[in-house]
Amino acid sequence: MRDCLTEDDRKGDAHFSSIKDCVKMNVPFSSYTLATVYLYFKYCNLRCRHCWINPPHSPTRARREDELEMGAIISALDECRELGMRSIKITGGEPFTREEIFELLEYLKKNGIGINMETNAVLIRQREARALKEALVGQVAVSLDGPDSLVHESLRGVDGSFDDALKGVKALIAEGLNVQIITCLWKGSADRIKDTVALAASLGASSVKINPIHAIARAHSMESSGETLSVKETIDFYHRLTGELKEEKRVRVIFDIPPAFRPMKEAIRERIGSCGIFNILGLLGDGRISICGIGSVADALVLGKIGEDKIKDIWHNNSVLKEIRADVPWRLEGICGRCIFKRYCLGKCRANAYYLGGSVRAPLGFCQAAYEEGLFPESRMIA
């Protein structure tokens, strides 16, 4: 087993005198308060080839019969507030495929709920950007998968979506909103990532988050056709990009890789890669309730339905949530059970692990593959 960290990374690790020192810093969640709701709108106006939610397509801004009414969504959020919810992430599908999004934003602002949003920005212009500003949205994360239409639209599947997304980003930044660019890493974009970072900086984005594509839902076909990066290619790309962007000061770049592969000080300081599984709940666009959006593609992780089940009862009594609270991180399997970061990252993404491994205790697929290929850093393992 070899240590895939660079020499500079290992020098940085000298800040910690032992693995025990690092483990002491990894304090697990001690509260099961419902802090954040992830709200997923069902439909999307794009046809993204990699989407893990797999939403049906609709180019229009209107509610469909199989979508939850806004009144029911707000009633569910009232239930969540009684459990302590103080923030929400609005995502999709695409949130702006619903005209009632403006009603929702008003409700959230009135009740002092912190808001973050994920959007493809195609439908955002001044009206939408101003509504987000007035609702005091903390961050708007916009999907932009390349520095030009060729790269972006080869993944997003709709002609003209690149130019429309740029117009949306410019409208958001003109209103003074904090915009993060989210870009996917695959073989079709790998050699243009630096150009995408440069574009984000020129637009005035505050950060760029790079997400490697994993084989969930639609992305299975991309993996089968050899379009996704292997574990080794992803690790090598991370180290290469980190070195090449050392002088990039205009925009913060975040690479979504498990903390075990990061320099120790960065992993602890940045708080990147920690799963919020103990304090979140997902409300899906058709009314189903899950641990996050994974219920869209994993029926076993559907916990109930809005209007039929009390969210308080789900939160306190659902068997899946009880299993997560009892077994994570203490009974994580595979390399996740041996990792010094397990109390910090909690296996990083339990939804991903369940989808690929069939259990909330399953190791994260990326980390387990790295271990089996001799790529998991020895310095991050408990003997």
Protein backbone atom coordinates (compact mmCIF):
# COMPACT_ATOMS: atom_id res chain seq x y z
CA MET A 1 0.00 0.00 0.00
CA ARG A 2 1.55 3.34 -0.96
CA ASP A 3 0.94 6.88 0.27
CA CYS A 4 -0.38 8.92 -2.67
CA LEU A 5 0.13 12.27 -0.90
CA THR A 6 2.84 14.57 -2.19
CA GLU A 7 6.00 15.42 -0.28
CA ASP A 8 4.60 18.88 0.51
CA ASP A 9 1.46 17.22 1.89
CA ARG A 10 3.49 14.99 4.18
CA LYS A 11 5.50 17.96 5.44
CA GLY A 12 2.24 19.64 6.29
CA ASP A 13 1.19 16.57 8.26
CA ALA A 14 4.12 17.17 10.60
CA HIS A 15 1.86 19.69 12.34
CA PHE A 16 0.22 16.64 13.93
CA SER A 17 2.50 14.58 16.16
CA SER A 18 0.46 11.40 15.72
CA ILE A 19 -2.67 9.90 14.25
CA LYS A 20 -4.15 10.08 17.74
CA ASP A 21 -3.83 13.89 17.64
CA CYS A 22 -5.79 13.99 14.40
CA VAL A 23 -8.52 11.67 15.67
CA LYS A 24 -8.96 13.87 18.74
CA MET A 25 -9.82 16.78 16.45
CA ASN A 26 -12.53 14.84 14.67
CA VAL A 27 -15.48 15.55 16.90
CA PRO A 28 -18.64 13.65 15.89
CA PHE A 29 -22.07 15.23 15.77
CA SER A 30 -23.76 14.87 19.16
CA SER A 31 -27.16 16.32 18.27
CA TYR A 32 -29.88 15.01 16.02
CA THR A 33 -31.61 18.35 15.57
CA LEU A 34 -33.06 18.81 12.10
CA ALA A 35 -30.94 21.78 11.09
CA THR A 36 -31.27 21.86 7.30
CA VAL A 37 -33.84 20.72 4.76
CA TYR A 38 -32.84 19.87 1.20
CA LEU A 39 -35.80 20.75 -1.02
CA TYR A 40 -35.76 19.09 -4.45
CA PHE A 41 -38.00 20.31 -7.26
CA LYS A 42 -39.02 17.46 -9.51
CA TYR A 43 -38.65 18.73 -13.08
CA CYS A 44 -35.66 20.16 -14.93
CA ASN A 45 -35.34 22.23 -18.09
CA LEU A 46 -32.07 20.50 -19.05
CA ARG A 47 -31.24 16.91 -19.95
CA CYS A 48 -27.98 16.39 -18.08
CA ARG A 49 -26.33 13.07 -18.89
CA HIS A 50 -24.79 12.64 -15.44
CA CYS A 51 -27.67 13.62 -13.12
CA TRP A 52 -27.96 11.50 -9.96
CA ILE A 53 -31.53 12.66 -9.26
CA ASN A 54 -32.77 11.70 -12.75
CA PRO A 55 -35.56 14.33 -13.02
CA PRO A 56 -38.06 14.36 -15.89
CA HIS A 57 -37.62 17.12 -18.45
CA SER A 58 -39.88 20.16 -18.81
CA PRO A 59 -38.88 23.45 -20.50
CA THR A 60 -41.87 25.39 -19.15
CA ARG A 61 -42.37 27.21 -15.85
CA ALA A 62 -45.50 25.60 -14.42
CA ARG A 63 -46.52 23.02 -11.85
CA ARG A 64 -47.30 19.56 -13.19
CA GLU A 65 -49.99 17.34 -11.67
CA ASP A 66 -47.44 14.94 -10.18
CA GLU A 67 -45.64 17.74 -8.33
CA LEU A 68 -46.38 18.79 -4.78
CA GLU A 69 -48.36 22.01 -4.40
CA MET A 70 -46.52 24.93 -2.83
CA GLY A 71 -48.99 25.05 0.05
CA ALA A 72 -48.10 21.46 0.95
CA ILE A 73 -44.39 22.26 0.73
CA ILE A 74 -44.79 25.21 3.08
CA SER A 75 -46.84 23.11 5.52
CA ALA A 76 -44.06 20.52 5.53
CA LEU A 77 -41.48 23.23 6.18
CA ASP A 78 -43.59 24.43 9.12
CA GLU A 79 -43.31 20.91 10.54
CA CYS A 80 -39.55 20.99 10.00
CA ARG A 81 -39.24 24.33 11.76
CA GLU A 82 -40.79 22.77 14.85
CA LEU A 83 -37.90 20.29 14.83
CA GLY A 84 -35.32 23.09 14.74
CA MET A 85 -34.81 23.68 11.02
CA ARG A 86 -33.02 26.98 10.48
CA SER A 87 -31.71 26.67 6.93
CA ILE A 88 -32.70 25.21 3.57
CA LYS A 89 -30.97 24.21 0.36
CA ILE A 90 -33.25 24.62 -2.65
CA THR A 91 -32.23 22.43 -5.54
CA GLY A 92 -33.68 20.28 -8.30
CA GLY A 93 -34.36 19.38 -10.91
CA GLU A 94 -34.43 23.12 -11.42
CA PRO A 95 -36.11 25.38 -8.84
CA PHE A 96 -37.08 28.04 -11.37
CA THR A 97 -39.26 25.65 -13.35
CA ARG A 98 -41.89 26.57 -10.75
CA GLU A 99 -43.42 30.07 -10.76
CA GLU A 100 -44.32 29.53 -7.09
CA ILE A 101 -40.63 29.73 -6.20
CA PHE A 102 -41.22 33.42 -5.50
CA GLU A 103 -43.90 32.55 -2.94
CA LEU A 104 -41.50 30.14 -1.28
CA LEU A 105 -38.74 32.74 -1.08
CA GLU A 106 -41.10 35.17 0.63
CA TYR A 107 -42.09 32.52 3.18
CA LEU A 108 -38.46 31.69 3.95
CA LYS A 109 -37.47 35.32 4.39
CA LYS A 110 -40.49 36.04 6.61
CA ASN A 111 -39.51 33.17 8.90
CA GLY A 112 -35.80 33.97 9.03
CA ILE A 113 -34.67 30.75 7.37
CA GLY A 114 -31.20 30.79 5.83
CA ILE A 115 -31.23 29.93 2.13
CA ASN A 116 -28.76 28.38 -0.27
CA MET A 117 -29.75 27.47 -3.81
CA GLU A 118 -28.48 25.21 -6.58
CA THR A 119 -29.59 26.13 -10.09
CA ASN A 120 -28.55 25.88 -13.72
CA ALA A 121 -29.34 29.64 -13.99
CA VAL A 122 -30.87 29.23 -17.45
CA LEU A 123 -34.15 30.84 -16.34
CA ILE A 124 -32.59 33.49 -14.12
CA ARG A 125 -32.68 37.12 -15.18
CA GLN A 126 -33.03 40.36 -13.21
CA ARG A 127 -36.43 39.50 -11.70
CA GLU A 128 -35.24 36.16 -10.35
CA ALA A 129 -31.90 37.51 -9.17
CA ARG A 130 -33.56 40.39 -7.33
CA ALA A 131 -36.00 38.01 -5.62
CA LEU A 132 -33.05 35.94 -4.40
CA LYS A 133 -31.30 39.05 -3.13
CA GLU A 134 -34.42 40.25 -1.31
CA ALA A 135 -34.79 36.83 0.31
CA LEU A 136 -31.23 37.20 1.65
CA VAL A 137 -29.99 34.05 -0.07
CA GLY A 138 -26.56 33.17 1.29
CA GLN A 139 -25.14 31.46 -1.78
CA VAL A 140 -26.31 30.57 -5.28
CA ALA A 141 -24.45 27.60 -6.75
CA VAL A 142 -24.66 27.56 -10.55
CA SER A 143 -23.85 24.56 -12.74
CA LEU A 144 -21.39 25.54 -15.47
CA ASP A 145 -19.62 22.58 -17.01
CA GLY A 146 -17.13 24.21 -19.30
CA PRO A 147 -15.73 27.49 -20.58
CA ASP A 148 -17.77 27.34 -23.79
CA SER A 149 -21.00 25.97 -25.22
CA LEU A 150 -19.33 22.91 -26.77
CA VAL A 151 -18.12 21.47 -23.47
CA HIS A 152 -21.05 22.63 -21.35
CA GLU A 153 -23.82 21.50 -23.66
CA SER A 154 -22.20 18.14 -24.41
CA LEU A 155 -23.06 17.29 -20.79
CA ARG A 156 -26.20 19.40 -20.24
CA GLY A 157 -27.99 18.25 -23.39
CA VAL A 158 -29.81 21.45 -24.42
CA ASP A 159 -28.63 23.84 -27.13
CA GLY A 160 -28.25 27.44 -25.98
CA SER A 161 -28.06 26.52 -22.30
CA PHE A 162 -24.49 27.81 -21.97
CA ASP A 163 -25.29 31.33 -23.11
CA ASP A 164 -28.47 31.38 -21.02
CA ALA A 165 -26.54 30.21 -17.95
CA LEU A 166 -23.97 32.98 -18.43
CA LYS A 167 -26.78 35.55 -18.58
CA GLY A 168 -28.13 34.11 -15.36
CA VAL A 169 -24.76 34.27 -13.61
CA LYS A 170 -24.26 37.87 -14.70
CA ALA A 171 -27.73 38.81 -13.41
CA LEU A 172 -26.96 37.19 -10.03
CA ILE A 173 -23.61 38.92 -9.68
CA ALA A 174 -25.10 42.26 -10.77
CA GLU A 175 -27.39 41.98 -7.73
CA GLY A 176 -24.40 41.40 -5.46
CA LEU A 177 -25.17 37.74 -4.72
CA ASN A 178 -22.52 35.23 -3.66
CA VAL A 179 -22.19 32.90 -6.66
CA GLN A 180 -20.37 29.59 -6.63
CA ILE A 181 -19.72 27.83 -9.92
CA ILE A 182 -20.13 24.05 -9.78
CA THR A 183 -18.41 22.20 -12.59
CA CYS A 184 -18.29 18.47 -13.27
CA LEU A 185 -15.05 16.62 -13.92
CA TRP A 186 -15.13 13.97 -16.64
CA LYS A 187 -12.96 13.16 -19.63
CA GLY A 188 -14.80 15.65 -21.80
CA SER A 189 -13.99 18.56 -19.45
CA ALA A 190 -10.73 17.60 -17.75
CA ASP A 191 -8.43 19.54 -20.06
CA ARG A 192 -10.68 22.65 -19.84
CA ILE A 193 -11.13 22.88 -16.07
CA LYS A 194 -8.55 25.65 -15.71
CA ASP A 195 -10.34 27.61 -18.44
CA THR A 196 -13.62 27.16 -16.54
CA VAL A 197 -11.95 28.44 -13.36
CA ALA A 198 -10.65 31.46 -15.30
CA LEU A 199 -14.14 32.14 -16.68
CA ALA A 200 -15.65 31.94 -13.20
CA ALA A 201 -13.07 34.41 -11.91
CA SER A 202 -13.74 36.82 -14.77
CA LEU A 203 -17.49 36.68 -14.07
CA GLY A 204 -16.95 37.57 -10.41
CA ALA A 205 -17.84 34.22 -8.82
CA SER A 206 -16.59 33.72 -5.27
CA SER A 207 -15.62 30.06 -5.69
CA VAL A 208 -15.51 27.08 -8.03
CA LYS A 209 -16.40 23.59 -6.84
CA ILE A 210 -15.16 20.70 -8.97
CA ASN A 211 -17.24 17.52 -8.70
CA PRO A 212 -15.96 14.28 -10.22
CA ILE A 213 -18.83 12.36 -11.83
CA HIS A 214 -19.77 9.12 -10.05
CA ALA A 215 -21.85 6.31 -11.50
CA ILE A 216 -25.27 7.01 -9.99
CA ALA A 217 -28.49 6.96 -12.04
CA ARG A 218 -27.85 8.54 -15.46
CA ALA A 219 -24.08 8.54 -15.02
CA HIS A 220 -23.98 4.74 -15.29
CA SER A 221 -23.95 5.05 -19.07
CA MET A 222 -21.09 7.55 -18.91
CA GLU A 223 -19.03 5.16 -16.84
CA SER A 224 -19.88 2.25 -19.15
CA SER A 225 -18.69 4.24 -22.16
CA GLY A 226 -15.43 5.19 -20.45
CA GLU A 227 -16.23 8.89 -20.09
CA THR A 228 -15.67 9.15 -16.32
CA LEU A 229 -12.27 9.33 -14.66
CA SER A 230 -10.91 6.34 -12.75
CA VAL A 231 -10.00 6.69 -9.08
CA LYS A 232 -6.30 6.99 -9.96
CA GLU A 233 -7.00 9.54 -12.68
CA THR A 234 -9.09 11.59 -10.23
CA ILE A 235 -6.41 11.57 -7.53
CA ASP A 236 -3.69 12.45 -10.03
CA PHE A 237 -5.85 15.22 -11.48
CA TYR A 238 -6.46 16.66 -8.00
CA HIS A 239 -2.76 16.87 -7.22
CA ARG A 240 -1.88 18.24 -10.65
CA LEU A 241 -4.61 20.87 -10.55
CA THR A 242 -3.72 21.91 -7.01
CA GLY A 243 -0.17 22.58 -8.13
CA GLU A 244 -1.19 24.41 -11.28
CA LEU A 245 -3.62 26.69 -9.45
CA LYS A 246 -1.29 27.72 -6.63
CA GLU A 247 -1.04 31.21 -8.09
CA GLU A 248 -4.79 31.55 -8.73
CA LYS A 249 -5.86 34.20 -6.20
CA ARG A 250 -8.99 35.55 -7.88
CA VAL A 251 -11.36 32.75 -6.97
CA ARG A 252 -11.36 29.95 -4.40
CA VAL A 253 -11.20 26.45 -5.94
CA ILE A 254 -12.72 23.49 -4.06
CA PHE A 255 -12.09 19.95 -5.29
CA ASP A 256 -14.64 17.42 -4.06
CA ILE A 257 -12.39 14.60 -2.97
CA PRO A 258 -12.59 12.73 0.37
CA PRO A 259 -10.55 14.35 3.17
CA ALA A 260 -8.24 11.34 3.41
CA PHE A 261 -6.62 12.45 0.14
CA ARG A 262 -6.09 16.04 1.26
CA PRO A 263 -3.19 17.51 3.22
CA MET A 264 -4.03 17.13 6.91
CA LYS A 265 -4.18 20.82 7.76
CA GLU A 266 -6.37 21.56 4.76
CA ALA A 267 -8.79 18.74 5.58
CA ILE A 268 -9.22 19.96 9.15
CA ARG A 269 -9.24 23.69 8.40
CA GLU A 270 -11.50 23.67 5.35
CA ARG A 271 -14.18 21.38 6.80
CA ILE A 272 -14.73 20.01 3.29
CA GLY A 273 -16.15 16.56 2.73
CA SER A 274 -18.11 16.12 5.94
CA CYS A 275 -21.51 14.48 5.51
CA GLY A 276 -24.36 16.32 7.25
CA ILE A 277 -26.44 13.14 7.45
CA PHE A 278 -27.37 13.55 11.14
CA ASN A 279 -28.93 16.96 10.71
CA ILE A 280 -30.60 17.01 7.28
CA LEU A 281 -33.74 15.72 5.61
CA GLY A 282 -34.73 15.67 1.94
CA LEU A 283 -38.15 16.72 0.67
CA LEU A 284 -38.63 15.47 -2.88
CA GLY A 285 -40.66 17.23 -5.55
CA ASP A 286 -43.39 14.57 -5.60
CA GLY A 287 -43.90 14.70 -1.83
CA ARG A 288 -41.70 11.80 -0.77
CA ILE A 289 -39.32 12.25 2.15
CA SER A 290 -35.79 10.83 2.17
CA ILE A 291 -32.41 11.29 3.84
CA CYS A 292 -31.53 13.63 0.95
CA GLY A 293 -32.21 13.44 -2.78
CA ILE A 294 -31.22 9.78 -2.99
CA GLY A 295 -34.84 8.73 -2.48
CA SER A 296 -35.41 9.70 -6.11
CA VAL A 297 -33.41 6.67 -7.25
CA ALA A 298 -33.38 4.41 -4.14
CA ASP A 299 -36.83 3.41 -2.92
CA ALA A 300 -35.44 1.84 0.25
CA LEU A 301 -34.37 5.29 1.43
CA VAL A 302 -37.84 6.81 1.11
CA LEU A 303 -38.94 7.47 4.69
CA GLY A 304 -42.50 8.64 4.15
CA LYS A 305 -44.65 11.13 2.28
CA ILE A 306 -45.70 14.71 2.92
CA GLY A 307 -49.35 14.91 3.92
CA GLU A 308 -49.50 11.23 4.86
CA ASP A 309 -46.78 10.97 7.49
CA LYS A 310 -45.85 13.35 10.28
CA ILE A 311 -42.29 14.59 9.79
CA LYS A 312 -41.79 14.64 13.57
CA ASP A 313 -42.61 10.92 13.72
CA ILE A 314 -40.25 10.19 10.84
CA TRP A 315 -37.42 12.18 12.39
CA HIS A 316 -37.67 10.49 15.77
CA ASN A 317 -38.83 6.98 14.89
CA ASN A 318 -37.91 5.98 11.33
CA SER A 319 -35.85 2.77 11.27
CA VAL A 320 -33.46 4.01 8.56
CA LEU A 321 -32.60 7.14 10.54
CA LYS A 322 -32.18 5.08 13.70
CA GLU A 323 -29.80 2.77 11.87
CA ILE A 324 -27.75 5.70 10.58
CA ARG A 325 -27.51 7.22 14.06
CA ALA A 326 -26.52 3.92 15.63
CA ASP A 327 -24.00 2.77 13.00
CA VAL A 328 -22.38 5.91 11.57
CA PRO A 329 -19.46 6.27 11.98
CA TRP A 330 -18.89 3.54 14.54
CA ARG A 331 -19.78 0.55 12.34
CA LEU A 332 -18.65 1.80 8.95
CA GLU A 333 -17.35 -1.05 6.83
CA GLY A 334 -14.33 -1.47 4.58
CA ILE A 335 -11.69 1.24 4.47
CA CYS A 336 -14.11 3.83 5.90
CA GLY A 337 -14.06 1.89 9.18
CA ARG A 338 -10.26 2.15 9.28
CA CYS A 339 -9.91 5.79 8.22
CA ILE A 340 -8.73 8.35 10.76
CA PHE A 341 -11.28 10.81 9.35
CA LYS A 342 -14.33 8.60 9.88
CA ARG A 343 -15.62 10.63 12.85
CA TYR A 344 -15.21 13.78 10.79
CA CYS A 345 -16.43 12.90 7.30
CA LEU A 346 -18.83 10.12 8.47
CA GLY A 347 -18.04 8.15 5.34
CA LYS A 348 -18.45 11.32 3.28
CA CYS A 349 -21.71 10.57 1.45
CA ARG A 350 -23.94 7.88 2.93
CA ALA A 351 -26.36 8.23 0.01
CA ASN A 352 -23.61 7.37 -2.49
CA ALA A 353 -22.40 4.51 -0.31
CA TYR A 354 -25.90 3.07 0.04
CA TYR A 355 -26.63 3.33 -3.67
CA LEU A 356 -23.44 1.46 -4.57
CA GLY A 357 -23.10 -0.81 -1.52
CA GLY A 358 -26.66 -1.42 -0.35
CA SER A 359 -26.07 -0.36 3.26
CA VAL A 360 -25.69 2.83 5.28
CA ARG A 361 -22.53 1.22 6.67
CA ALA A 362 -20.99 0.49 3.27
CA PRO A 363 -17.66 2.16 2.49
CA LEU A 364 -17.63 5.05 0.07
CA GLY A 365 -17.06 3.54 -3.35
CA PHE A 366 -14.23 5.93 -4.23
CA CYS A 367 -12.27 5.28 -1.04
CA GLN A 368 -12.78 1.51 -1.15
CA ALA A 369 -11.63 1.35 -4.76
CA ALA A 370 -8.58 3.47 -3.88
CA TYR A 371 -7.75 1.08 -1.03
CA GLU A 372 -8.11 -2.00 -3.20
CA GLU A 373 -5.87 -0.43 -5.86
CA GLY A 374 -3.19 0.50 -3.32
CA LEU A 375 -3.95 4.23 -3.60
CA PHE A 376 -5.39 4.98 -0.16
CA PRO A 377 -2.78 6.86 1.92
CA GLU A 378 -1.28 4.67 4.64
CA SER A 379 -0.97 7.72 6.88
CA ARG A 380 -4.77 8.01 6.92
CA MET A 381 -5.39 4.46 8.14
CA ILE A 382 -5.79 3.15 11.66
CA ALA A 383 -3.90 -0.13 11.97
